[in-house]
Amino acid sequence: MEYLQSTTYLDHESARIQNLIQEFKKDTLTDVEKAMGIYLKIRDGWRYNPYHISLDEKKYVASTIAQKDEGHCVDKAILLTACLRGLGIPARIRLAKVTNHIAVDRLMERFGSNVLTPHGMVDVHLNGKWIKATPAFNKELCEKCNVMPLEFDGENDSVFQAFNSEGATFMEYMEDYGHFEDVPLAFMIQNLKDNYPEVFFDENGMVEYRF
């Protein structure tokens, strides 16, 4: 089975990732139980922050992300992918474009848009099929947005909630960019430049982080 390799970005053989997954490396746990456990640990252990986007490739190494206490959706997808592979569960990164319809004032100020791209999630292979896992929004953030935390049961796709608890539109998927075996940094940078040209550019048309 592919999607188990350790890579420069998905360095699951590193001490930091091994320490992170150690509690789930038990023969008494099924792969589904391991996947559910590490999903919850990453969902709630790293606060979601969409505003600190780096163009430094070193910042997208799983063991580096593991040292922080927050991250955006791609950070958390990278971390979950590495941890799942470290537990012997095939996993790959999936990217998409989404629209956030709630609490968008700061997004509009920073990005000039309520569109979030690339949005990161994870494809997990369990019981003979690929299913989606989205660990982006931590429980506390969901409570502030009046939306139920996104669960992962190891059987069904876990993707952003379309509505909050009051029935208002919350998240909308606009485009699926597909899955990737490793972190597609060149694709991600070009995607940022294409979608946020006033944020990620310089006078020569080169990508530059301008926050």
N, C-alpha and C. Protein backbone atom coordinates (compact mmCIF):
# COMPACT_ATOMS: atom_id res chain seq x y z
N MET A 1 0.85 -1.20 0.00
CA MET A 1 0.00 0.00 0.00
C MET A 1 0.88 1.25 0.00
N GLU A 2 0.57 2.19 -0.88
CA GLU A 2 1.29 3.45 -0.91
C GLU A 2 0.81 4.36 0.23
N TYR A 3 1.37 5.55 0.26
CA TYR A 3 0.99 6.57 1.22
C TYR A 3 1.33 6.21 2.67
N LEU A 4 2.42 5.49 2.82
CA LEU A 4 2.94 5.18 4.15
C LEU A 4 4.35 5.73 4.36
N GLN A 5 4.94 6.28 3.31
CA GLN A 5 6.33 6.67 3.36
C GLN A 5 6.56 7.88 4.28
N SER A 6 7.74 7.91 4.86
CA SER A 6 8.22 9.10 5.55
C SER A 6 8.92 9.97 4.52
N THR A 7 8.63 11.27 4.50
CA THR A 7 9.23 12.18 3.53
C THR A 7 9.85 13.36 4.28
N THR A 8 10.45 14.26 3.54
CA THR A 8 11.04 15.45 4.16
C THR A 8 9.99 16.21 4.95
N TYR A 9 8.78 16.34 4.40
CA TYR A 9 7.70 17.06 5.08
C TYR A 9 6.94 16.17 6.05
N LEU A 10 6.64 14.96 5.63
CA LEU A 10 5.87 14.02 6.45
C LEU A 10 6.84 13.09 7.17
N ASP A 11 7.62 13.66 8.06
CA ASP A 11 8.74 12.95 8.69
C ASP A 11 8.29 12.17 9.92
N HIS A 12 7.47 11.16 9.69
CA HIS A 12 6.88 10.45 10.83
C HIS A 12 7.88 9.60 11.61
N GLU A 13 9.08 9.41 11.08
CA GLU A 13 10.10 8.69 11.82
C GLU A 13 10.83 9.58 12.82
N SER A 14 10.58 10.87 12.78
CA SER A 14 11.23 11.81 13.70
C SER A 14 10.78 11.57 15.14
N ALA A 15 11.60 11.97 16.07
CA ALA A 15 11.29 11.76 17.48
C ALA A 15 10.02 12.50 17.90
N ARG A 16 9.82 13.70 17.38
CA ARG A 16 8.65 14.49 17.78
C ARG A 16 7.35 13.81 17.35
N ILE A 17 7.31 13.29 16.13
CA ILE A 17 6.09 12.62 15.68
C ILE A 17 5.91 11.30 16.40
N GLN A 18 6.99 10.59 16.61
CA GLN A 18 6.89 9.32 17.34
C GLN A 18 6.39 9.54 18.77
N ASN A 19 6.84 10.61 19.40
CA ASN A 19 6.34 10.93 20.74
C ASN A 19 4.86 11.28 20.71
N LEU A 20 4.45 11.96 19.66
CA LEU A 20 3.06 12.39 19.53
C LEU A 20 2.11 11.22 19.38
N ILE A 21 2.55 10.18 18.71
CA ILE A 21 1.66 9.04 18.42
C ILE A 21 1.86 7.87 19.37
N GLN A 22 2.80 7.99 20.30
CA GLN A 22 3.18 6.86 21.13
C GLN A 22 1.99 6.24 21.86
N GLU A 23 1.08 7.07 22.37
CA GLU A 23 -0.06 6.54 23.14
C GLU A 23 -1.01 5.69 22.30
N PHE A 24 -0.92 5.82 20.97
CA PHE A 24 -1.81 5.07 20.09
C PHE A 24 -1.15 3.84 19.48
N LYS A 25 0.11 3.60 19.81
CA LYS A 25 0.83 2.45 19.25
C LYS A 25 0.65 1.24 20.16
N LYS A 26 -0.60 0.79 20.23
CA LYS A 26 -0.94 -0.35 21.08
C LYS A 26 -1.63 -1.40 20.23
N ASP A 27 -1.25 -2.65 20.42
CA ASP A 27 -1.86 -3.74 19.68
C ASP A 27 -3.34 -3.92 20.02
N THR A 28 -3.75 -3.39 21.17
CA THR A 28 -5.15 -3.55 21.59
C THR A 28 -6.08 -2.58 20.84
N LEU A 29 -5.51 -1.61 20.15
CA LEU A 29 -6.32 -0.64 19.41
C LEU A 29 -6.43 -1.04 17.95
N THR A 30 -7.61 -0.89 17.38
CA THR A 30 -7.78 -1.11 15.94
C THR A 30 -7.28 0.11 15.19
N ASP A 31 -7.10 -0.02 13.89
CA ASP A 31 -6.68 1.13 13.09
C ASP A 31 -7.71 2.25 13.16
N VAL A 32 -8.98 1.90 13.19
CA VAL A 32 -10.02 2.92 13.30
C VAL A 32 -9.89 3.67 14.62
N GLU A 33 -9.66 2.95 15.71
CA GLU A 33 -9.51 3.59 17.01
C GLU A 33 -8.27 4.47 17.05
N LYS A 34 -7.20 4.01 16.43
CA LYS A 34 -5.98 4.82 16.37
C LYS A 34 -6.24 6.11 15.59
N ALA A 35 -6.90 5.97 14.44
CA ALA A 35 -7.17 7.14 13.59
C ALA A 35 -8.09 8.13 14.29
N MET A 36 -9.11 7.63 14.97
CA MET A 36 -10.02 8.52 15.70
C MET A 36 -9.29 9.23 16.83
N GLY A 37 -8.42 8.53 17.51
CA GLY A 37 -7.69 9.12 18.63
C GLY A 37 -6.75 10.22 18.21
N ILE A 38 -5.96 9.97 17.17
CA ILE A 38 -4.99 10.98 16.74
C ILE A 38 -5.71 12.14 16.07
N TYR A 39 -6.84 11.88 15.41
CA TYR A 39 -7.65 12.96 14.83
C TYR A 39 -8.08 13.95 15.91
N LEU A 40 -8.65 13.44 17.00
CA LEU A 40 -9.11 14.32 18.07
C LEU A 40 -7.95 15.06 18.73
N LYS A 41 -6.83 14.37 18.87
CA LYS A 41 -5.67 15.01 19.50
C LYS A 41 -5.19 16.20 18.69
N ILE A 42 -5.18 16.06 17.37
CA ILE A 42 -4.72 17.16 16.52
C ILE A 42 -5.81 18.20 16.34
N ARG A 43 -7.06 17.79 16.22
CA ARG A 43 -8.15 18.76 16.08
C ARG A 43 -8.16 19.75 17.23
N ASP A 44 -8.04 19.25 18.46
CA ASP A 44 -8.19 20.11 19.63
C ASP A 44 -6.87 20.53 20.26
N GLY A 45 -5.78 19.84 19.92
CA GLY A 45 -4.49 20.17 20.53
C GLY A 45 -3.76 21.32 19.85
N TRP A 46 -4.18 21.65 18.63
CA TRP A 46 -3.58 22.77 17.89
C TRP A 46 -4.70 23.73 17.50
N ARG A 47 -4.67 24.92 18.08
CA ARG A 47 -5.71 25.91 17.81
C ARG A 47 -5.65 26.35 16.35
N TYR A 48 -6.81 26.44 15.73
CA TYR A 48 -6.87 26.86 14.33
C TYR A 48 -6.58 28.34 14.20
N ASN A 49 -5.64 28.67 13.32
CA ASN A 49 -5.30 30.07 13.05
C ASN A 49 -5.01 30.21 11.56
N PRO A 50 -5.93 30.81 10.79
CA PRO A 50 -5.76 30.90 9.34
C PRO A 50 -4.91 32.08 8.90
N TYR A 51 -4.42 32.89 9.86
CA TYR A 51 -3.80 34.15 9.50
C TYR A 51 -2.28 34.11 9.43
N HIS A 52 -1.67 33.05 9.89
CA HIS A 52 -0.21 32.95 9.87
C HIS A 52 0.21 31.95 8.80
N ILE A 53 0.29 32.41 7.58
CA ILE A 53 0.66 31.57 6.45
C ILE A 53 2.11 31.87 6.09
N SER A 54 2.91 30.85 6.01
CA SER A 54 4.33 31.01 5.69
C SER A 54 4.62 30.51 4.28
N LEU A 55 5.62 31.10 3.66
CA LEU A 55 6.10 30.63 2.36
C LEU A 55 7.45 29.92 2.53
N ASP A 56 7.85 29.70 3.76
CA ASP A 56 9.09 29.02 4.08
C ASP A 56 8.83 27.52 4.13
N GLU A 57 9.47 26.76 3.23
CA GLU A 57 9.21 25.32 3.15
C GLU A 57 9.50 24.59 4.45
N LYS A 58 10.42 25.12 5.25
CA LYS A 58 10.76 24.46 6.51
C LYS A 58 9.59 24.47 7.49
N LYS A 59 8.68 25.43 7.33
CA LYS A 59 7.54 25.54 8.24
C LYS A 59 6.48 24.48 7.96
N TYR A 60 6.62 23.74 6.85
CA TYR A 60 5.63 22.73 6.48
C TYR A 60 6.11 21.31 6.79
N VAL A 61 7.14 21.18 7.59
CA VAL A 61 7.61 19.87 8.05
C VAL A 61 6.79 19.48 9.28
N ALA A 62 6.27 18.28 9.28
CA ALA A 62 5.36 17.84 10.35
C ALA A 62 5.97 17.99 11.73
N SER A 63 7.23 17.61 11.88
CA SER A 63 7.85 17.69 13.20
C SER A 63 8.04 19.13 13.66
N THR A 64 8.14 20.07 12.72
CA THR A 64 8.19 21.49 13.07
C THR A 64 6.82 21.98 13.51
N ILE A 65 5.79 21.58 12.78
CA ILE A 65 4.43 21.95 13.14
C ILE A 65 4.09 21.41 14.53
N ALA A 66 4.59 20.22 14.84
CA ALA A 66 4.29 19.58 16.12
C ALA A 66 4.78 20.40 17.31
N GLN A 67 5.75 21.28 17.09
CA GLN A 67 6.30 22.09 18.19
C GLN A 67 5.42 23.28 18.54
N LYS A 68 4.46 23.62 17.65
CA LYS A 68 3.62 24.79 17.87
C LYS A 68 2.35 24.39 18.62
N ASP A 69 1.57 25.38 19.00
CA ASP A 69 0.28 25.09 19.64
C ASP A 69 -0.89 25.59 18.80
N GLU A 70 -0.61 26.02 17.56
CA GLU A 70 -1.65 26.45 16.65
C GLU A 70 -1.19 26.24 15.22
N GLY A 71 -2.14 26.32 14.30
CA GLY A 71 -1.79 26.17 12.89
C GLY A 71 -3.02 26.34 12.04
N HIS A 72 -2.81 26.59 10.74
CA HIS A 72 -3.95 26.66 9.83
C HIS A 72 -4.29 25.26 9.35
N CYS A 73 -5.29 25.16 8.49
CA CYS A 73 -5.81 23.85 8.11
C CYS A 73 -4.77 22.99 7.41
N VAL A 74 -3.91 23.59 6.59
CA VAL A 74 -2.88 22.80 5.90
C VAL A 74 -1.86 22.27 6.90
N ASP A 75 -1.46 23.11 7.87
CA ASP A 75 -0.56 22.65 8.93
C ASP A 75 -1.12 21.41 9.62
N LYS A 76 -2.38 21.49 10.02
CA LYS A 76 -2.97 20.40 10.78
C LYS A 76 -3.19 19.17 9.91
N ALA A 77 -3.44 19.38 8.61
CA ALA A 77 -3.56 18.24 7.70
C ALA A 77 -2.22 17.53 7.53
N ILE A 78 -1.14 18.31 7.42
CA ILE A 78 0.20 17.73 7.31
C ILE A 78 0.51 16.92 8.57
N LEU A 79 0.23 17.49 9.72
CA LEU A 79 0.52 16.81 10.98
C LEU A 79 -0.27 15.52 11.10
N LEU A 80 -1.55 15.56 10.78
CA LEU A 80 -2.37 14.35 10.87
C LEU A 80 -1.91 13.29 9.87
N THR A 81 -1.57 13.70 8.66
CA THR A 81 -1.09 12.74 7.66
C THR A 81 0.16 12.03 8.13
N ALA A 82 1.11 12.80 8.66
CA ALA A 82 2.35 12.20 9.16
C ALA A 82 2.08 11.24 10.31
N CYS A 83 1.21 11.64 11.22
CA CYS A 83 0.92 10.79 12.38
C CYS A 83 0.23 9.50 11.96
N LEU A 84 -0.70 9.59 11.05
CA LEU A 84 -1.38 8.38 10.57
C LEU A 84 -0.39 7.44 9.90
N ARG A 85 0.47 7.97 9.06
CA ARG A 85 1.49 7.10 8.43
C ARG A 85 2.40 6.48 9.47
N GLY A 86 2.71 7.25 10.51
CA GLY A 86 3.55 6.72 11.58
C GLY A 86 2.88 5.58 12.33
N LEU A 87 1.56 5.54 12.28
CA LEU A 87 0.79 4.46 12.91
C LEU A 87 0.50 3.33 11.94
N GLY A 88 1.09 3.41 10.74
CA GLY A 88 0.90 2.36 9.75
C GLY A 88 -0.41 2.44 8.99
N ILE A 89 -1.05 3.62 9.03
CA ILE A 89 -2.33 3.83 8.35
C ILE A 89 -2.09 4.70 7.13
N PRO A 90 -2.39 4.21 5.93
CA PRO A 90 -2.15 5.02 4.72
C PRO A 90 -2.93 6.34 4.78
N ALA A 91 -2.26 7.43 4.44
CA ALA A 91 -2.89 8.74 4.48
C ALA A 91 -2.25 9.64 3.44
N ARG A 92 -3.04 10.58 2.93
CA ARG A 92 -2.55 11.52 1.93
C ARG A 92 -3.25 12.86 2.12
N ILE A 93 -2.60 13.91 1.70
CA ILE A 93 -3.14 15.26 1.83
C ILE A 93 -4.14 15.53 0.70
N ARG A 94 -5.24 16.17 1.03
CA ARG A 94 -6.21 16.62 0.02
C ARG A 94 -6.39 18.13 0.18
N LEU A 95 -6.43 18.85 -0.93
CA LEU A 95 -6.60 20.29 -0.90
C LEU A 95 -7.87 20.70 -1.63
N ALA A 96 -8.46 21.80 -1.19
CA ALA A 96 -9.70 22.28 -1.77
C ALA A 96 -9.78 23.80 -1.61
N LYS A 97 -10.83 24.37 -2.18
CA LYS A 97 -11.17 25.78 -1.98
C LYS A 97 -12.53 25.83 -1.29
N VAL A 98 -12.62 26.61 -0.21
CA VAL A 98 -13.87 26.71 0.54
C VAL A 98 -14.21 28.18 0.79
N THR A 99 -15.49 28.41 1.08
CA THR A 99 -15.95 29.74 1.45
C THR A 99 -16.49 29.69 2.87
N ASN A 100 -16.02 30.63 3.69
CA ASN A 100 -16.49 30.74 5.07
C ASN A 100 -17.54 31.84 5.13
N HIS A 101 -18.72 31.53 5.65
CA HIS A 101 -19.82 32.49 5.66
C HIS A 101 -20.08 33.10 7.04
N ILE A 102 -19.34 32.68 8.06
CA ILE A 102 -19.58 33.17 9.41
C ILE A 102 -18.28 33.75 9.99
N ALA A 103 -18.41 34.89 10.70
CA ALA A 103 -17.27 35.55 11.35
C ALA A 103 -16.15 35.81 10.36
N VAL A 104 -16.49 36.57 9.31
CA VAL A 104 -15.54 36.75 8.20
C VAL A 104 -14.88 38.12 8.19
N ASP A 105 -15.15 38.98 9.17
CA ASP A 105 -14.62 40.34 9.13
C ASP A 105 -13.09 40.36 9.06
N ARG A 106 -12.46 39.56 9.89
CA ARG A 106 -11.00 39.56 9.90
C ARG A 106 -10.44 38.92 8.63
N LEU A 107 -11.12 37.89 8.13
CA LEU A 107 -10.70 37.29 6.86
C LEU A 107 -10.75 38.32 5.74
N MET A 108 -11.81 39.09 5.69
CA MET A 108 -11.95 40.10 4.65
C MET A 108 -10.86 41.15 4.78
N GLU A 109 -10.52 41.50 6.01
CA GLU A 109 -9.48 42.49 6.24
C GLU A 109 -8.12 41.99 5.78
N ARG A 110 -7.81 40.74 6.07
CA ARG A 110 -6.49 40.20 5.74
C ARG A 110 -6.36 39.79 4.28
N PHE A 111 -7.39 39.08 3.77
CA PHE A 111 -7.29 38.49 2.44
C PHE A 111 -8.13 39.20 1.38
N GLY A 112 -9.01 40.10 1.82
CA GLY A 112 -9.89 40.74 0.87
C GLY A 112 -10.96 39.81 0.35
N SER A 113 -11.20 38.71 1.05
CA SER A 113 -12.13 37.68 0.59
C SER A 113 -12.48 36.76 1.74
N ASN A 114 -13.65 36.12 1.67
CA ASN A 114 -13.99 35.08 2.64
C ASN A 114 -13.72 33.69 2.08
N VAL A 115 -12.99 33.63 0.96
CA VAL A 115 -12.60 32.36 0.36
C VAL A 115 -11.28 31.90 0.99
N LEU A 116 -11.23 30.66 1.39
CA LEU A 116 -10.03 30.07 1.98
C LEU A 116 -9.46 29.03 1.02
N THR A 117 -8.23 29.26 0.58
CA THR A 117 -7.59 28.32 -0.34
C THR A 117 -6.08 28.46 -0.26
N PRO A 118 -5.33 27.37 -0.33
CA PRO A 118 -5.85 26.02 -0.33
C PRO A 118 -6.25 25.59 1.08
N HIS A 119 -7.38 24.95 1.16
CA HIS A 119 -7.85 24.35 2.41
C HIS A 119 -7.34 22.92 2.48
N GLY A 120 -6.78 22.55 3.63
CA GLY A 120 -6.18 21.23 3.79
C GLY A 120 -7.03 20.28 4.61
N MET A 121 -7.14 19.05 4.12
CA MET A 121 -7.76 17.96 4.88
C MET A 121 -6.96 16.69 4.58
N VAL A 122 -7.44 15.56 5.02
CA VAL A 122 -6.67 14.32 4.90
C VAL A 122 -7.56 13.21 4.37
N ASP A 123 -7.02 12.43 3.43
CA ASP A 123 -7.64 11.17 3.02
C ASP A 123 -7.02 10.06 3.85
N VAL A 124 -7.85 9.25 4.48
CA VAL A 124 -7.39 8.15 5.33
C VAL A 124 -7.91 6.84 4.76
N HIS A 125 -7.05 5.83 4.68
CA HIS A 125 -7.48 4.53 4.15
C HIS A 125 -7.76 3.59 5.32
N LEU A 126 -9.04 3.28 5.50
CA LEU A 126 -9.47 2.40 6.59
C LEU A 126 -10.51 1.42 6.07
N ASN A 127 -10.39 0.18 6.47
CA ASN A 127 -11.35 -0.86 6.10
C ASN A 127 -11.59 -0.91 4.59
N GLY A 128 -10.50 -0.78 3.84
CA GLY A 128 -10.57 -0.97 2.40
C GLY A 128 -11.08 0.20 1.59
N LYS A 129 -11.24 1.37 2.21
CA LYS A 129 -11.73 2.53 1.45
C LYS A 129 -11.09 3.82 1.96
N TRP A 130 -11.07 4.82 1.09
CA TRP A 130 -10.56 6.14 1.44
C TRP A 130 -11.70 7.00 1.98
N ILE A 131 -11.46 7.63 3.12
CA ILE A 131 -12.44 8.56 3.69
C ILE A 131 -11.73 9.85 4.08
N LYS A 132 -12.48 10.94 4.13
CA LYS A 132 -11.92 12.26 4.41
C LYS A 132 -11.99 12.59 5.90
N ALA A 133 -10.94 13.24 6.37
CA ALA A 133 -10.89 13.72 7.76
C ALA A 133 -10.44 15.18 7.73
N THR A 134 -11.14 16.03 8.49
CA THR A 134 -10.87 17.46 8.47
C THR A 134 -10.64 17.95 9.91
N PRO A 135 -9.39 18.00 10.37
CA PRO A 135 -9.12 18.34 11.77
C PRO A 135 -8.93 19.84 12.02
N ALA A 136 -9.35 20.69 11.08
CA ALA A 136 -8.98 22.11 11.12
C ALA A 136 -9.50 22.85 12.34
N PHE A 137 -10.82 22.80 12.59
CA PHE A 137 -11.42 23.65 13.61
C PHE A 137 -11.43 22.95 14.97
N ASN A 138 -10.71 23.51 15.93
CA ASN A 138 -10.69 22.97 17.28
C ASN A 138 -12.04 23.20 17.96
N LYS A 139 -12.29 22.43 19.00
CA LYS A 139 -13.59 22.43 19.68
C LYS A 139 -13.97 23.82 20.18
N GLU A 140 -13.02 24.54 20.76
CA GLU A 140 -13.32 25.86 21.31
C GLU A 140 -13.75 26.84 20.23
N LEU A 141 -13.12 26.77 19.07
CA LEU A 141 -13.51 27.65 17.97
C LEU A 141 -14.91 27.32 17.49
N CYS A 142 -15.23 26.04 17.40
CA CYS A 142 -16.57 25.64 16.97
C CYS A 142 -17.63 26.18 17.92
N GLU A 143 -17.34 26.16 19.21
CA GLU A 143 -18.29 26.67 20.19
C GLU A 143 -18.51 28.16 19.99
N LYS A 144 -17.45 28.89 19.67
CA LYS A 144 -17.58 30.33 19.42
C LYS A 144 -18.40 30.61 18.17
N CYS A 145 -18.30 29.72 17.19
CA CYS A 145 -19.03 29.90 15.93
C CYS A 145 -20.40 29.27 15.96
N ASN A 146 -20.78 28.73 17.12
CA ASN A 146 -22.09 28.10 17.29
C ASN A 146 -22.30 26.96 16.30
N VAL A 147 -21.29 26.12 16.20
CA VAL A 147 -21.37 24.96 15.32
C VAL A 147 -20.83 23.75 16.07
N MET A 148 -21.39 22.59 15.82
CA MET A 148 -20.92 21.39 16.49
C MET A 148 -19.52 21.04 16.01
N PRO A 149 -18.63 20.61 16.91
CA PRO A 149 -17.29 20.18 16.49
C PRO A 149 -17.39 19.05 15.47
N LEU A 150 -16.50 19.06 14.52
CA LEU A 150 -16.53 18.07 13.45
C LEU A 150 -15.92 16.76 13.95
N GLU A 151 -16.73 15.71 13.97
CA GLU A 151 -16.27 14.42 14.46
C GLU A 151 -15.74 13.56 13.31
N PHE A 152 -15.00 12.53 13.66
CA PHE A 152 -14.48 11.57 12.70
C PHE A 152 -14.68 10.18 13.27
N ASP A 153 -15.47 9.35 12.57
CA ASP A 153 -15.81 8.02 13.11
C ASP A 153 -15.06 6.88 12.43
N GLY A 154 -14.17 7.21 11.49
CA GLY A 154 -13.41 6.18 10.82
C GLY A 154 -14.18 5.39 9.79
N GLU A 155 -15.42 5.79 9.54
CA GLU A 155 -16.27 5.09 8.57
C GLU A 155 -16.80 6.01 7.47
N ASN A 156 -17.06 7.27 7.84
CA ASN A 156 -17.69 8.21 6.92
C ASN A 156 -16.82 9.45 6.73
N ASP A 157 -17.01 10.12 5.58
CA ASP A 157 -16.29 11.36 5.34
C ASP A 157 -16.61 12.38 6.42
N SER A 158 -15.58 13.05 6.90
CA SER A 158 -15.72 14.11 7.89
C SER A 158 -15.27 15.40 7.22
N VAL A 159 -16.23 16.18 6.72
CA VAL A 159 -15.94 17.42 6.01
C VAL A 159 -16.68 18.57 6.68
N PHE A 160 -16.27 19.78 6.35
CA PHE A 160 -16.82 20.96 7.01
C PHE A 160 -18.36 20.98 7.02
N GLN A 161 -18.88 21.49 8.12
CA GLN A 161 -20.32 21.60 8.30
C GLN A 161 -20.87 22.67 7.35
N ALA A 162 -21.95 22.35 6.67
CA ALA A 162 -22.57 23.31 5.75
C ALA A 162 -23.32 24.40 6.50
N PHE A 163 -23.82 24.07 7.71
CA PHE A 163 -24.62 25.03 8.48
C PHE A 163 -24.20 25.03 9.94
N ASN A 164 -24.46 26.14 10.61
CA ASN A 164 -24.21 26.17 12.04
C ASN A 164 -25.45 25.67 12.78
N SER A 165 -25.44 25.77 14.11
CA SER A 165 -26.52 25.19 14.91
C SER A 165 -27.85 25.91 14.71
N GLU A 166 -27.81 27.11 14.16
CA GLU A 166 -29.04 27.88 13.93
C GLU A 166 -29.52 27.76 12.49
N GLY A 167 -28.82 26.97 11.67
CA GLY A 167 -29.24 26.78 10.30
C GLY A 167 -28.66 27.77 9.32
N ALA A 168 -27.78 28.66 9.79
CA ALA A 168 -27.14 29.63 8.89
C ALA A 168 -26.02 28.94 8.12
N THR A 169 -25.81 29.35 6.88
CA THR A 169 -24.74 28.77 6.07
C THR A 169 -23.40 29.02 6.73
N PHE A 170 -22.61 27.99 6.87
CA PHE A 170 -21.31 28.07 7.57
C PHE A 170 -20.15 27.93 6.60
N MET A 171 -19.94 26.73 6.06
CA MET A 171 -18.84 26.49 5.13
C MET A 171 -19.38 25.92 3.82
N GLU A 172 -18.78 26.35 2.72
CA GLU A 172 -19.21 25.89 1.40
C GLU A 172 -17.98 25.45 0.60
N TYR A 173 -18.00 24.23 0.09
CA TYR A 173 -16.90 23.73 -0.74
C TYR A 173 -17.10 24.23 -2.17
N MET A 174 -16.07 24.85 -2.72
CA MET A 174 -16.15 25.43 -4.06
C MET A 174 -15.41 24.58 -5.09
N GLU A 175 -14.26 24.04 -4.72
CA GLU A 175 -13.44 23.29 -5.67
C GLU A 175 -12.58 22.27 -4.94
N ASP A 176 -12.45 21.10 -5.52
CA ASP A 176 -11.60 20.04 -4.97
C ASP A 176 -10.35 19.93 -5.84
N TYR A 177 -9.19 20.18 -5.25
CA TYR A 177 -7.94 20.12 -6.00
C TYR A 177 -7.35 18.71 -6.06
N GLY A 178 -7.97 17.79 -5.36
CA GLY A 178 -7.48 16.41 -5.40
C GLY A 178 -6.51 16.10 -4.28
N HIS A 179 -5.93 14.90 -4.35
CA HIS A 179 -5.03 14.43 -3.29
C HIS A 179 -3.58 14.44 -3.75
N PHE A 180 -2.68 14.46 -2.75
CA PHE A 180 -1.25 14.55 -3.01
C PHE A 180 -0.51 13.59 -2.08
N GLU A 181 0.50 12.93 -2.61
CA GLU A 181 1.27 11.99 -1.79
C GLU A 181 2.14 12.69 -0.77
N ASP A 182 2.61 13.89 -1.13
CA ASP A 182 3.46 14.68 -0.23
C ASP A 182 2.95 16.11 -0.25
N VAL A 183 3.54 16.98 0.54
CA VAL A 183 3.12 18.38 0.59
C VAL A 183 3.45 19.06 -0.74
N PRO A 184 2.44 19.52 -1.48
CA PRO A 184 2.67 20.12 -2.80
C PRO A 184 2.96 21.62 -2.67
N LEU A 185 4.13 21.95 -2.16
CA LEU A 185 4.42 23.34 -1.81
C LEU A 185 4.34 24.27 -3.02
N ALA A 186 4.88 23.87 -4.16
CA ALA A 186 4.85 24.72 -5.35
C ALA A 186 3.41 25.01 -5.76
N PHE A 187 2.55 23.99 -5.73
CA PHE A 187 1.14 24.18 -6.05
C PHE A 187 0.49 25.13 -5.06
N MET A 188 0.78 24.97 -3.77
CA MET A 188 0.19 25.80 -2.74
C MET A 188 0.58 27.26 -2.90
N ILE A 189 1.84 27.52 -3.18
CA ILE A 189 2.30 28.89 -3.34
C ILE A 189 1.66 29.54 -4.56
N GLN A 190 1.58 28.82 -5.66
CA GLN A 190 0.95 29.36 -6.86
C GLN A 190 -0.54 29.62 -6.61
N ASN A 191 -1.16 28.74 -5.85
CA ASN A 191 -2.57 28.89 -5.51
C ASN A 191 -2.80 30.16 -4.70
N LEU A 192 -1.93 30.42 -3.74
CA LEU A 192 -2.03 31.64 -2.95
C LEU A 192 -1.86 32.87 -3.82
N LYS A 193 -0.89 32.83 -4.69
CA LYS A 193 -0.63 33.96 -5.58
C LYS A 193 -1.82 34.21 -6.50
N ASP A 194 -2.42 33.15 -7.04
CA ASP A 194 -3.54 33.29 -7.96
C ASP A 194 -4.79 33.83 -7.27
N ASN A 195 -5.01 33.41 -6.03
CA ASN A 195 -6.25 33.76 -5.35
C ASN A 195 -6.14 35.01 -4.48
N TYR A 196 -4.93 35.36 -4.06
CA TYR A 196 -4.73 36.55 -3.24
C TYR A 196 -3.61 37.41 -3.84
N PRO A 197 -3.80 37.92 -5.05
CA PRO A 197 -2.71 38.62 -5.74
C PRO A 197 -2.23 39.87 -5.03
N GLU A 198 -3.09 40.50 -4.22
CA GLU A 198 -2.68 41.71 -3.53
C GLU A 198 -1.97 41.41 -2.22
N VAL A 199 -1.93 40.14 -1.84
CA VAL A 199 -1.28 39.75 -0.60
C VAL A 199 0.05 39.05 -0.86
N PHE A 200 0.08 38.21 -1.91
CA PHE A 200 1.25 37.41 -2.20
C PHE A 200 1.86 37.79 -3.55
N PHE A 201 2.58 38.90 -3.58
CA PHE A 201 3.24 39.29 -4.83
C PHE A 201 4.27 40.38 -4.55
N ASP A 202 5.15 40.64 -5.51
CA ASP A 202 6.00 41.81 -5.46
C ASP A 202 5.99 42.47 -6.84
N GLU A 203 6.78 43.50 -7.01
CA GLU A 203 6.73 44.25 -8.26
C GLU A 203 7.21 43.45 -9.46
N ASN A 204 7.92 42.35 -9.23
CA ASN A 204 8.40 41.50 -10.32
C ASN A 204 7.51 40.30 -10.56
N GLY A 205 6.36 40.26 -9.86
CA GLY A 205 5.45 39.14 -10.03
C GLY A 205 5.86 37.91 -9.25
N MET A 206 6.87 38.04 -8.40
CA MET A 206 7.31 36.93 -7.57
C MET A 206 6.47 36.89 -6.30
N VAL A 207 6.30 35.69 -5.77
CA VAL A 207 5.50 35.55 -4.55
C VAL A 207 6.25 36.14 -3.36
N GLU A 208 5.52 36.93 -2.61
CA GLU A 208 6.10 37.56 -1.42
C GLU A 208 5.02 37.70 -0.38
N TYR A 209 5.31 37.26 0.84
CA TYR A 209 4.33 37.35 1.93
C TYR A 209 4.31 38.78 2.44
N ARG A 210 3.14 39.43 2.40
CA ARG A 210 3.07 40.86 2.68
C ARG A 210 2.29 41.19 3.95
N PHE A 211 2.00 40.23 4.81
CA PHE A 211 1.29 40.54 6.07
C PHE A 211 2.24 41.26 7.01
